[in-house]
Amino acid sequence: MRRKKQWDGEKYSDPKKAIEYLNNAIKLQPNNAETYTKRGGTYYDLGQYQQAVEDYNKVVILKPDYKDAYNKRGATYLMLGNKELGCPDLKKACSLGDCKLLELAKGKELCR
């Protein structure tokens, strides 16, 4: 489940520099869900899935109704081979109005 890199077109084209930038932004605004979402996406793009999950966990705490966070965390769990956590997240995103990834996962027989 690859997707467009979070850092394309942003201030930095180097994902490691983007993480440094986002780390600084988080220090300044530790409750900004969007910054955690971007950093999680950058970690995902780098294949650092556990770090991505940690950022998406923070997003879900800050914005429990943010369907994108559930989709991204669910997709990341699936990349880690964890259907038990990935599928419920995709179902939660679907219940919030975005069923696209859940349907894709069902089509690939990853979720029921």
PDB file of N, CA and C in Angstrom:
ATOM      1  N   MET A   1       0.831  -1.174   0.000  1.00  0.00           N
ATOM      2  CA  MET A   1       0.000   0.000   0.000  1.00  0.00           C
ATOM      3  C   MET A   1       0.881   1.245   0.000  1.00  0.00           C
ATOM      4  N   ARG A   2       1.549   1.488  -1.095  1.00  0.00           N
ATOM      5  CA  ARG A   2       2.405   2.671  -1.224  1.00  0.00           C
ATOM      6  C   ARG A   2       1.540   3.893  -1.496  1.00  0.00           C
ATOM      7  N   ARG A   3       2.041   5.019  -1.155  1.00  0.00           N
ATOM      8  CA  ARG A   3       1.322   6.250  -1.392  1.00  0.00           C
ATOM      9  C   ARG A   3       2.323   7.356  -1.657  1.00  0.00           C
ATOM     10  N   LYS A   4       1.824   8.491  -2.045  1.00  0.00           N
ATOM     11  CA  LYS A   4       2.684   9.639  -2.325  1.00  0.00           C
ATOM     12  C   LYS A   4       3.443  10.023  -1.064  1.00  0.00           C
ATOM     13  N   LYS A   5       4.699  10.329  -1.222  1.00  0.00           N
ATOM     14  CA  LYS A   5       5.526  10.705  -0.090  1.00  0.00           C
ATOM     15  C   LYS A   5       5.028  11.998   0.543  1.00  0.00           C
ATOM     16  N   GLN A   6       4.963  12.015   1.868  1.00  0.00           N
ATOM     17  CA  GLN A   6       4.488  13.184   2.608  1.00  0.00           C
ATOM     18  C   GLN A   6       5.353  14.406   2.353  1.00  0.00           C
ATOM     19  N   TRP A   7       6.623  14.207   2.118  1.00  0.00           N
ATOM     20  CA  TRP A   7       7.529  15.341   2.060  1.00  0.00           C
ATOM     21  C   TRP A   7       7.697  15.880   0.649  1.00  0.00           C
ATOM     22  N   ASP A   8       7.060  15.306  -0.374  1.00  0.00           N
ATOM     23  CA  ASP A   8       7.132  15.854  -1.730  1.00  0.00           C
ATOM     24  C   ASP A   8       6.540  17.252  -1.745  1.00  0.00           C
ATOM     25  N   GLY A   9       7.278  18.181  -2.300  1.00  0.00           N
ATOM     26  CA  GLY A   9       6.769  19.537  -2.419  1.00  0.00           C
ATOM     27  C   GLY A   9       6.816  20.327  -1.122  1.00  0.00           C
ATOM     28  N   GLU A  10       7.275  19.733  -0.056  1.00  0.00           N
ATOM     29  CA  GLU A  10       7.377  20.439   1.216  1.00  0.00           C
ATOM     30  C   GLU A  10       8.709  21.177   1.271  1.00  0.00           C
ATOM     31  N   LYS A  11       9.049  21.695   2.403  1.00  0.00           N
ATOM     32  CA  LYS A  11      10.252  22.488   2.559  1.00  0.00           C
ATOM     33  C   LYS A  11      11.509  21.675   2.228  1.00  0.00           C
ATOM     34  N   TYR A  12      11.521  20.410   2.583  1.00  0.00           N
ATOM     35  CA  TYR A  12      12.676  19.552   2.344  1.00  0.00           C
ATOM     36  C   TYR A  12      12.297  18.408   1.417  1.00  0.00           C
ATOM     37  N   SER A  13      13.191  18.096   0.475  1.00  0.00           N
ATOM     38  CA  SER A  13      12.949  16.942  -0.386  1.00  0.00           C
ATOM     39  C   SER A  13      13.651  15.707   0.162  1.00  0.00           C
ATOM     40  N   ASP A  14      14.547  15.875   1.100  1.00  0.00           N
ATOM     41  CA  ASP A  14      15.252  14.773   1.755  1.00  0.00           C
ATOM     42  C   ASP A  14      14.428  14.349   2.966  1.00  0.00           C
ATOM     43  N   PRO A  15      13.963  13.094   2.999  1.00  0.00           N
ATOM     44  CA  PRO A  15      13.084  12.688   4.105  1.00  0.00           C
ATOM     45  C   PRO A  15      13.741  12.801   5.479  1.00  0.00           C
ATOM     46  N   LYS A  16      15.041  12.594   5.565  1.00  0.00           N
ATOM     47  CA  LYS A  16      15.702  12.718   6.871  1.00  0.00           C
ATOM     48  C   LYS A  16      15.721  14.173   7.339  1.00  0.00           C
ATOM     49  N   LYS A  17      15.891  15.096   6.408  1.00  0.00           N
ATOM     50  CA  LYS A  17      15.804  16.515   6.754  1.00  0.00           C
ATOM     51  C   LYS A  17      14.370  16.872   7.136  1.00  0.00           C
ATOM     52  N   ALA A  18      13.420  16.271   6.436  1.00  0.00           N
ATOM     53  CA  ALA A  18      12.012  16.518   6.754  1.00  0.00           C
ATOM     54  C   ALA A  18      11.707  16.085   8.181  1.00  0.00           C
ATOM     55  N   ILE A  19      12.250  14.947   8.590  1.00  0.00           N
ATOM     56  CA  ILE A  19      12.025  14.469   9.960  1.00  0.00           C
ATOM     57  C   ILE A  19      12.619  15.451  10.966  1.00  0.00           C
ATOM     58  N   GLU A  20      13.812  15.970  10.681  1.00  0.00           N
ATOM     59  CA  GLU A  20      14.417  16.966  11.573  1.00  0.00           C
ATOM     60  C   GLU A  20      13.507  18.194  11.692  1.00  0.00           C
ATOM     61  N   TYR A  21      13.027  18.659  10.557  1.00  0.00           N
ATOM     62  CA  TYR A  21      12.131  19.818  10.522  1.00  0.00           C
ATOM     63  C   TYR A  21      10.859  19.529  11.328  1.00  0.00           C
ATOM     64  N   LEU A  22      10.273  18.361  11.108  1.00  0.00           N
ATOM     65  CA  LEU A  22       9.029  17.998  11.810  1.00  0.00           C
ATOM     66  C   LEU A  22       9.273  17.803  13.303  1.00  0.00           C
ATOM     67  N   ASN A  23      10.434  17.249  13.672  1.00  0.00           N
ATOM     68  CA  ASN A  23      10.777  17.122  15.093  1.00  0.00           C
ATOM     69  C   ASN A  23      10.785  18.495  15.762  1.00  0.00           C
ATOM     70  N   ASN A  24      11.387  19.472  15.079  1.00  0.00           N
ATOM     71  CA  ASN A  24      11.417  20.832  15.628  1.00  0.00           C
ATOM     72  C   ASN A  24      10.013  21.418  15.729  1.00  0.00           C
ATOM     73  N   ALA A  25       9.199  21.173  14.711  1.00  0.00           N
ATOM     74  CA  ALA A  25       7.826  21.675  14.736  1.00  0.00           C
ATOM     75  C   ALA A  25       7.044  21.059  15.897  1.00  0.00           C
ATOM     76  N   ILE A  26       7.268  19.774  16.157  1.00  0.00           N
ATOM     77  CA  ILE A  26       6.577  19.092  17.265  1.00  0.00           C
ATOM     78  C   ILE A  26       7.026  19.673  18.609  1.00  0.00           C
ATOM     79  N   LYS A  27       8.313  20.027  18.721  1.00  0.00           N
ATOM     80  CA  LYS A  27       8.781  20.651  19.964  1.00  0.00           C
ATOM     81  C   LYS A  27       8.064  21.976  20.213  1.00  0.00           C
ATOM     82  N   LEU A  28       7.818  22.713  19.133  1.00  0.00           N
ATOM     83  CA  LEU A  28       7.151  24.010  19.259  1.00  0.00           C
ATOM     84  C   LEU A  28       5.647  23.877  19.491  1.00  0.00           C
ATOM     85  N   GLN A  29       5.036  22.872  18.844  1.00  0.00           N
ATOM     86  CA  GLN A  29       3.586  22.658  18.965  1.00  0.00           C
ATOM     87  C   GLN A  29       3.325  21.165  19.179  1.00  0.00           C
ATOM     88  N   PRO A  30       3.502  20.694  20.405  1.00  0.00           N
ATOM     89  CA  PRO A  30       3.403  19.249  20.665  1.00  0.00           C
ATOM     90  C   PRO A  30       2.003  18.663  20.506  1.00  0.00           C
ATOM     91  N   ASN A  31       0.989  19.479  20.344  1.00  0.00           N
ATOM     92  CA  ASN A  31      -0.371  18.963  20.186  1.00  0.00           C
ATOM     93  C   ASN A  31      -0.923  19.172  18.786  1.00  0.00           C
ATOM     94  N   ASN A  32      -0.047  19.370  17.812  1.00  0.00           N
ATOM     95  CA  ASN A  32      -0.454  19.572  16.429  1.00  0.00           C
ATOM     96  C   ASN A  32      -0.532  18.211  15.721  1.00  0.00           C
ATOM     97  N   ALA A  33      -1.733  17.708  15.554  1.00  0.00           N
ATOM     98  CA  ALA A  33      -1.939  16.380  14.961  1.00  0.00           C
ATOM     99  C   ALA A  33      -1.397  16.299  13.536  1.00  0.00           C
ATOM    100  N   GLU A  34      -1.529  17.370  12.772  1.00  0.00           N
ATOM    101  CA  GLU A  34      -1.080  17.358  11.376  1.00  0.00           C
ATOM    102  C   GLU A  34       0.429  17.124  11.270  1.00  0.00           C
ATOM    103  N   THR A  35       1.193  17.687  12.192  1.00  0.00           N
ATOM    104  CA  THR A  35       2.646  17.506  12.167  1.00  0.00           C
ATOM    105  C   THR A  35       3.001  16.044  12.444  1.00  0.00           C
ATOM    106  N   TYR A  36       2.317  15.431  13.396  1.00  0.00           N
ATOM    107  CA  TYR A  36       2.549  14.004  13.659  1.00  0.00           C
ATOM    108  C   TYR A  36       2.154  13.163  12.443  1.00  0.00           C
ATOM    109  N   THR A  37       1.074  13.566  11.779  1.00  0.00           N
ATOM    110  CA  THR A  37       0.638  12.842  10.586  1.00  0.00           C
ATOM    111  C   THR A  37       1.712  12.910   9.504  1.00  0.00           C
ATOM    112  N   LYS A  38       2.256  14.088   9.282  1.00  0.00           N
ATOM    113  CA  LYS A  38       3.305  14.237   8.262  1.00  0.00           C
ATOM    114  C   LYS A  38       4.564  13.458   8.630  1.00  0.00           C
ATOM    115  N   ARG A  39       4.953  13.528   9.899  1.00  0.00           N
ATOM    116  CA  ARG A  39       6.152  12.789  10.302  1.00  0.00           C
ATOM    117  C   ARG A  39       5.905  11.288  10.201  1.00  0.00           C
ATOM    118  N   GLY A  40       4.712  10.846  10.598  1.00  0.00           N
ATOM    119  CA  GLY A  40       4.380   9.426  10.458  1.00  0.00           C
ATOM    120  C   GLY A  40       4.449   8.980   9.003  1.00  0.00           C
ATOM    121  N   GLY A  41       3.953   9.818   8.107  1.00  0.00           N
ATOM    122  CA  GLY A  41       4.017   9.494   6.684  1.00  0.00           C
ATOM    123  C   GLY A  41       5.437   9.429   6.165  1.00  0.00           C
ATOM    124  N   THR A  42       6.292  10.296   6.676  1.00  0.00           N
ATOM    125  CA  THR A  42       7.691  10.275   6.263  1.00  0.00           C
ATOM    126  C   THR A  42       8.375   9.019   6.788  1.00  0.00           C
ATOM    127  N   TYR A  43       8.110   8.658   8.045  1.00  0.00           N
ATOM    128  CA  TYR A  43       8.651   7.401   8.571  1.00  0.00           C
ATOM    129  C   TYR A  43       8.157   6.218   7.734  1.00  0.00           C
ATOM    130  N   TYR A  44       6.886   6.239   7.375  1.00  0.00           N
ATOM    131  CA  TYR A  44       6.325   5.166   6.541  1.00  0.00           C
ATOM    132  C   TYR A  44       7.092   5.073   5.223  1.00  0.00           C
ATOM    133  N   ASP A  45       7.308   6.214   4.576  1.00  0.00           N
ATOM    134  CA  ASP A  45       8.015   6.232   3.300  1.00  0.00           C
ATOM    135  C   ASP A  45       9.437   5.699   3.418  1.00  0.00           C
ATOM    136  N   LEU A  46      10.031   5.875   4.602  1.00  0.00           N
ATOM    137  CA  LEU A  46      11.379   5.367   4.841  1.00  0.00           C
ATOM    138  C   LEU A  46      11.391   3.899   5.259  1.00  0.00           C
ATOM    139  N   GLY A  47      10.198   3.306   5.396  1.00  0.00           N
ATOM    140  CA  GLY A  47      10.111   1.908   5.838  1.00  0.00           C
ATOM    141  C   GLY A  47      10.276   1.753   7.335  1.00  0.00           C
ATOM    142  N   GLN A  48      10.207   2.850   8.072  1.00  0.00           N
ATOM    143  CA  GLN A  48      10.322   2.815   9.530  1.00  0.00           C
ATOM    144  C   GLN A  48       8.907   2.773  10.116  1.00  0.00           C
ATOM    145  N   TYR A  49       8.295   1.596   9.936  1.00  0.00           N
ATOM    146  CA  TYR A  49       6.874   1.452  10.218  1.00  0.00           C
ATOM    147  C   TYR A  49       6.522   1.594  11.696  1.00  0.00           C
ATOM    148  N   GLN A  50       7.372   1.114  12.584  1.00  0.00           N
ATOM    149  CA  GLN A  50       7.049   1.216  14.002  1.00  0.00           C
ATOM    150  C   GLN A  50       7.009   2.680  14.447  1.00  0.00           C
ATOM    151  N   GLN A  51       7.947   3.487  13.949  1.00  0.00           N
ATOM    152  CA  GLN A  51       7.933   4.907  14.278  1.00  0.00           C
ATOM    153  C   GLN A  51       6.682   5.577  13.699  1.00  0.00           C
ATOM    154  N   ALA A  52       6.288   5.147  12.501  1.00  0.00           N
ATOM    155  CA  ALA A  52       5.068   5.686  11.893  1.00  0.00           C
ATOM    156  C   ALA A  52       3.858   5.376  12.768  1.00  0.00           C
ATOM    157  N   VAL A  53       3.769   4.138  13.238  1.00  0.00           N
ATOM    158  CA  VAL A  53       2.649   3.743  14.111  1.00  0.00           C
ATOM    159  C   VAL A  53       2.624   4.608  15.361  1.00  0.00           C
ATOM    160  N   GLU A  54       3.781   4.864  15.954  1.00  0.00           N
ATOM    161  CA  GLU A  54       3.828   5.679  17.163  1.00  0.00           C
ATOM    162  C   GLU A  54       3.281   7.084  16.901  1.00  0.00           C
ATOM    163  N   ASP A  55       3.637   7.649  15.738  1.00  0.00           N
ATOM    164  CA  ASP A  55       3.102   8.975  15.413  1.00  0.00           C
ATOM    165  C   ASP A  55       1.605   8.923  15.161  1.00  0.00           C
ATOM    166  N   TYR A  56       1.136   7.902  14.458  1.00  0.00           N
ATOM    167  CA  TYR A  56      -0.310   7.789  14.217  1.00  0.00           C
ATOM    168  C   TYR A  56      -1.066   7.539  15.517  1.00  0.00           C
ATOM    169  N   ASN A  57      -0.446   6.825  16.459  1.00  0.00           N
ATOM    170  CA  ASN A  57      -1.068   6.651  17.779  1.00  0.00           C
ATOM    171  C   ASN A  57      -1.299   8.013  18.434  1.00  0.00           C
ATOM    172  N   LYS A  58      -0.311   8.884  18.333  1.00  0.00           N
ATOM    173  CA  LYS A  58      -0.428  10.228  18.913  1.00  0.00           C
ATOM    174  C   LYS A  58      -1.542  11.013  18.226  1.00  0.00           C
ATOM    175  N   VAL A  59      -1.633  10.875  16.898  1.00  0.00           N
ATOM    176  CA  VAL A  59      -2.683  11.579  16.158  1.00  0.00           C
ATOM    177  C   VAL A  59      -4.060  11.136  16.628  1.00  0.00           C
ATOM    178  N   VAL A  60      -4.240   9.833  16.798  1.00  0.00           N
ATOM    179  CA  VAL A  60      -5.537   9.297  17.228  1.00  0.00           C
ATOM    180  C   VAL A  60      -5.895   9.812  18.626  1.00  0.00           C
ATOM    181  N   ILE A  61      -4.903   9.987  19.471  1.00  0.00           N
ATOM    182  CA  ILE A  61      -5.160  10.550  20.805  1.00  0.00           C
ATOM    183  C   ILE A  61      -5.581  12.011  20.685  1.00  0.00           C
ATOM    184  N   LEU A  62      -4.873  12.762  19.836  1.00  0.00           N
ATOM    185  CA  LEU A  62      -5.162  14.190  19.682  1.00  0.00           C
ATOM    186  C   LEU A  62      -6.463  14.451  18.936  1.00  0.00           C
ATOM    187  N   LYS A  63      -6.762  13.614  17.932  1.00  0.00           N
ATOM    188  CA  LYS A  63      -7.966  13.805  17.104  1.00  0.00           C
ATOM    189  C   LYS A  63      -8.631  12.444  16.885  1.00  0.00           C
ATOM    190  N   PRO A  64      -9.397  11.972  17.867  1.00  0.00           N
ATOM    191  CA  PRO A  64      -9.975  10.631  17.780  1.00  0.00           C
ATOM    192  C   PRO A  64     -10.961  10.421  16.636  1.00  0.00           C
ATOM    193  N   ASP A  65     -11.398  11.479  15.986  1.00  0.00           N
ATOM    194  CA  ASP A  65     -12.337  11.330  14.872  1.00  0.00           C
ATOM    195  C   ASP A  65     -11.662  11.579  13.515  1.00  0.00           C
ATOM    196  N   TYR A  66     -10.343  11.530  13.477  1.00  0.00           N
ATOM    197  CA  TYR A  66      -9.580  11.814  12.259  1.00  0.00           C
ATOM    198  C   TYR A  66      -9.396  10.531  11.455  1.00  0.00           C
ATOM    199  N   LYS A  67     -10.269  10.343  10.463  1.00  0.00           N
ATOM    200  CA  LYS A  67     -10.287   9.091   9.701  1.00  0.00           C
ATOM    201  C   LYS A  67      -8.965   8.798   9.001  1.00  0.00           C
ATOM    202  N   ASP A  68      -8.264   9.833   8.569  1.00  0.00           N
ATOM    203  CA  ASP A  68      -6.998   9.636   7.871  1.00  0.00           C
ATOM    204  C   ASP A  68      -5.965   8.958   8.770  1.00  0.00           C
ATOM    205  N   ALA A  69      -5.964   9.301  10.045  1.00  0.00           N
ATOM    206  CA  ALA A  69      -5.020   8.684  10.982  1.00  0.00           C
ATOM    207  C   ALA A  69      -5.286   7.183  11.124  1.00  0.00           C
ATOM    208  N   TYR A  70      -6.562   6.811  11.182  1.00  0.00           N
ATOM    209  CA  TYR A  70      -6.897   5.388  11.283  1.00  0.00           C
ATOM    210  C   TYR A  70      -6.509   4.651  10.000  1.00  0.00           C
ATOM    211  N   ASN A  71      -6.752   5.270   8.851  1.00  0.00           N
ATOM    212  CA  ASN A  71      -6.362   4.641   7.588  1.00  0.00           C
ATOM    213  C   ASN A  71      -4.852   4.454   7.516  1.00  0.00           C
ATOM    214  N   LYS A  72      -4.110   5.488   7.869  1.00  0.00           N
ATOM    215  CA  LYS A  72      -2.652   5.419   7.783  1.00  0.00           C
ATOM    216  C   LYS A  72      -2.091   4.423   8.788  1.00  0.00           C
ATOM    217  N   ARG A  73      -2.621   4.432  10.006  1.00  0.00           N
ATOM    218  CA  ARG A  73      -2.132   3.473  10.994  1.00  0.00           C
ATOM    219  C   ARG A  73      -2.515   2.057  10.588  1.00  0.00           C
ATOM    220  N   GLY A  74      -3.732   1.885  10.090  1.00  0.00           N
ATOM    221  CA  GLY A  74      -4.155   0.561   9.634  1.00  0.00           C
ATOM    222  C   GLY A  74      -3.285   0.046   8.502  1.00  0.00           C
ATOM    223  N   ALA A  75      -2.998   0.895   7.518  1.00  0.00           N
ATOM    224  CA  ALA A  75      -2.140   0.495   6.397  1.00  0.00           C
ATOM    225  C   ALA A  75      -0.735   0.148   6.891  1.00  0.00           C
ATOM    226  N   THR A  76      -0.256   0.896   7.864  1.00  0.00           N
ATOM    227  CA  THR A  76       1.076   0.628   8.410  1.00  0.00           C
ATOM    228  C   THR A  76       1.097  -0.704   9.141  1.00  0.00           C
ATOM    229  N   TYR A  77       0.069  -0.968   9.940  1.00  0.00           N
ATOM    230  CA  TYR A  77      -0.008  -2.273  10.602  1.00  0.00           C
ATOM    231  C   TYR A  77      -0.033  -3.398   9.575  1.00  0.00           C
ATOM    232  N   LEU A  78      -0.771  -3.210   8.496  1.00  0.00           N
ATOM    233  CA  LEU A  78      -0.806  -4.246   7.461  1.00  0.00           C
ATOM    234  C   LEU A  78       0.567  -4.438   6.833  1.00  0.00           C
ATOM    235  N   MET A  79       1.323  -3.362   6.648  1.00  0.00           N
ATOM    236  CA  MET A  79       2.691  -3.488   6.127  1.00  0.00           C
ATOM    237  C   MET A  79       3.566  -4.286   7.087  1.00  0.00           C
ATOM    238  N   LEU A  80       3.251  -4.199   8.375  1.00  0.00           N
ATOM    239  CA  LEU A  80       3.978  -4.965   9.389  1.00  0.00           C
ATOM    240  C   LEU A  80       3.452  -6.401   9.500  1.00  0.00           C
ATOM    241  N   GLY A  81       2.410  -6.719   8.725  1.00  0.00           N
ATOM    242  CA  GLY A  81       1.829  -8.052   8.763  1.00  0.00           C
ATOM    243  C   GLY A  81       0.856  -8.257   9.904  1.00  0.00           C
ATOM    244  N   ASN A  82       0.390  -7.181  10.507  1.00  0.00           N
ATOM    245  CA  ASN A  82      -0.488  -7.269  11.665  1.00  0.00           C
ATOM    246  C   ASN A  82      -1.931  -6.939  11.270  1.00  0.00           C
ATOM    247  N   LYS A  83      -2.655  -7.968  10.826  1.00  0.00           N
ATOM    248  CA  LYS A  83      -4.060  -7.791  10.445  1.00  0.00           C
ATOM    249  C   LYS A  83      -4.945  -7.528  11.656  1.00  0.00           C
ATOM    250  N   GLU A  84      -4.565  -8.085  12.822  1.00  0.00           N
ATOM    251  CA  GLU A  84      -5.382  -7.951  14.019  1.00  0.00           C
ATOM    252  C   GLU A  84      -5.521  -6.494  14.452  1.00  0.00           C
ATOM    253  N   LEU A  85      -4.520  -5.672  14.171  1.00  0.00           N
ATOM    254  CA  LEU A  85      -4.612  -4.252  14.498  1.00  0.00           C
ATOM    255  C   LEU A  85      -4.924  -3.403  13.267  1.00  0.00           C
ATOM    256  N   GLY A  86      -4.467  -3.833  12.108  1.00  0.00           N
ATOM    257  CA  GLY A  86      -4.674  -3.059  10.886  1.00  0.00           C
ATOM    258  C   GLY A  86      -6.125  -3.012  10.435  1.00  0.00           C
ATOM    259  N   CYS A  87      -6.765  -4.159  10.414  1.00  0.00           N
ATOM    260  CA  CYS A  87      -8.148  -4.212   9.916  1.00  0.00           C
ATOM    261  C   CYS A  87      -9.128  -3.412  10.780  1.00  0.00           C
ATOM    262  N   PRO A  88      -9.045  -3.494  12.110  1.00  0.00           N
ATOM    263  CA  PRO A  88      -9.944  -2.653  12.908  1.00  0.00           C
ATOM    264  C   PRO A  88      -9.747  -1.151  12.668  1.00  0.00           C
ATOM    265  N   ASP A  89      -8.507  -0.742  12.430  1.00  0.00           N
ATOM    266  CA  ASP A  89      -8.279   0.674  12.126  1.00  0.00           C
ATOM    267  C   ASP A  89      -8.938   1.062  10.806  1.00  0.00           C
ATOM    268  N   LEU A  90      -8.816   0.205   9.794  1.00  0.00           N
ATOM    269  CA  LEU A  90      -9.456   0.498   8.513  1.00  0.00           C
ATOM    270  C   LEU A  90     -10.975   0.513   8.656  1.00  0.00           C
ATOM    271  N   LYS A  91     -11.500  -0.364   9.500  1.00  0.00           N
ATOM    272  CA  LYS A  91     -12.946  -0.376   9.757  1.00  0.00           C
ATOM    273  C   LYS A  91     -13.380   0.890  10.488  1.00  0.00           C
ATOM    274  N   LYS A  92     -12.546   1.376  11.404  1.00  0.00           N
ATOM    275  CA  LYS A  92     -12.858   2.618  12.120  1.00  0.00           C
ATOM    276  C   LYS A  92     -12.880   3.790  11.137  1.00  0.00           C
ATOM    277  N   ALA A  93     -11.901   3.836  10.231  1.00  0.00           N
ATOM    278  CA  ALA A  93     -11.873   4.897   9.216  1.00  0.00           C
ATOM    279  C   ALA A  93     -13.129   4.824   8.356  1.00  0.00           C
ATOM    280  N   CYS A  94     -13.543   3.618   8.035  1.00  0.00           N
ATOM    281  CA  CYS A  94     -14.754   3.427   7.234  1.00  0.00           C
ATOM    282  C   CYS A  94     -15.978   3.940   8.002  1.00  0.00           C
ATOM    283  N   SER A  95     -16.044   3.656   9.283  1.00  0.00           N
ATOM    284  CA  SER A  95     -17.180   4.129  10.082  1.00  0.00           C
ATOM    285  C   SER A  95     -17.202   5.653  10.174  1.00  0.00           C
ATOM    286  N   LEU A  96     -16.024   6.276   9.953  1.00  0.00           N
ATOM    287  CA  LEU A  96     -15.925   7.733   9.959  1.00  0.00           C
ATOM    288  C   LEU A  96     -16.129   8.328   8.566  1.00  0.00           C
ATOM    289  N   GLY A  97     -16.345   7.440   7.572  1.00  0.00           N
ATOM    290  CA  GLY A  97     -16.698   7.941   6.248  1.00  0.00           C
ATOM    291  C   GLY A  97     -15.730   7.664   5.117  1.00  0.00           C
ATOM    292  N   ASP A  98     -14.616   6.990   5.375  1.00  0.00           N
ATOM    293  CA  ASP A  98     -13.658   6.694   4.305  1.00  0.00           C
ATOM    294  C   ASP A  98     -13.393   5.191   4.263  1.00  0.00           C
ATOM    295  N   CYS A  99     -14.025   4.524   3.306  1.00  0.00           N
ATOM    296  CA  CYS A  99     -13.943   3.058   3.203  1.00  0.00           C
ATOM    297  C   CYS A  99     -12.992   2.583   2.110  1.00  0.00           C
ATOM    298  N   LYS A 100     -12.310   3.499   1.441  1.00  0.00           N
ATOM    299  CA  LYS A 100     -11.486   3.138   0.287  1.00  0.00           C
ATOM    300  C   LYS A 100     -10.410   2.096   0.628  1.00  0.00           C
ATOM    301  N   LEU A 101      -9.635   2.334   1.686  1.00  0.00           N
ATOM    302  CA  LEU A 101      -8.564   1.390   2.028  1.00  0.00           C
ATOM    303  C   LEU A 101      -9.115   0.072   2.557  1.00  0.00           C
ATOM    304  N   LEU A 102     -10.202   0.129   3.290  1.00  0.00           N
ATOM    305  CA  LEU A 102     -10.811  -1.107   3.778  1.00  0.00           C
ATOM    306  C   LEU A 102     -11.246  -1.970   2.604  1.00  0.00           C
ATOM    307  N   GLU A 103     -11.882  -1.370   1.621  1.00  0.00           N
ATOM    308  CA  GLU A 103     -12.319  -2.130   0.442  1.00  0.00           C
ATOM    309  C   GLU A 103     -11.123  -2.708  -0.310  1.00  0.00           C
ATOM    310  N   LEU A 104     -10.048  -1.933  -0.408  1.00  0.00           N
ATOM    311  CA  LEU A 104      -8.832  -2.425  -1.056  1.00  0.00           C
ATOM    312  C   LEU A 104      -8.247  -3.608  -0.280  1.00  0.00           C
ATOM    313  N   ALA A 105      -8.202  -3.495   1.037  1.00  0.00           N
ATOM    314  CA  ALA A 105      -7.687  -4.577   1.871  1.00  0.00           C
ATOM    315  C   ALA A 105      -8.558  -5.820   1.782  1.00  0.00           C
ATOM    316  N   LYS A 106      -9.876  -5.613   1.690  1.00  0.00           N
ATOM    317  CA  LYS A 106     -10.779  -6.757   1.528  1.00  0.00           C
ATOM    318  C   LYS A 106     -10.546  -7.410   0.166  1.00  0.00           C
ATOM    319  N   GLY A 107     -10.333  -6.618  -0.869  1.00  0.00           N
ATOM    320  CA  GLY A 107     -10.073  -7.147  -2.200  1.00  0.00           C
ATOM    321  C   GLY A 107      -8.800  -7.963  -2.263  1.00  0.00           C
ATOM    322  N   LYS A 108      -7.841  -7.629  -1.412  1.00  0.00           N
ATOM    323  CA  LYS A 108      -6.573  -8.373  -1.342  1.00  0.00           C
ATOM    324  C   LYS A 108      -6.631  -9.471  -0.284  1.00  0.00           C
ATOM    325  N   GLU A 109      -7.825  -9.678   0.280  1.00  0.00           N
ATOM    326  CA  GLU A 109      -8.083 -10.683   1.299  1.00  0.00           C
ATOM    327  C   GLU A 109      -7.228 -10.487   2.554  1.00  0.00           C
ATOM    328  N   LEU A 110      -6.963  -9.222   2.872  1.00  0.00           N
ATOM    329  CA  LEU A 110      -6.234  -8.911   4.090  1.00  0.00           C
ATOM    330  C   LEU A 110      -7.192  -8.696   5.261  1.00  0.00           C
ATOM    331  N   CYS A 111      -8.378  -8.188   4.949  1.00  0.00           N
ATOM    332  CA  CYS A 111      -9.398  -7.928   5.976  1.00  0.00           C
ATOM    333  C   CYS A 111     -10.725  -8.535   5.492  1.00  0.00           C
ATOM    334  N   ARG A 112     -11.595  -8.800   6.461  1.00  0.00           N
ATOM    335  CA  ARG A 112     -12.940  -9.281   6.129  1.00  0.00           C
ATOM    336  C   ARG A 112     -13.962  -8.225   6.363  1.00  0.00           C
TER     337      ARG A 112
END
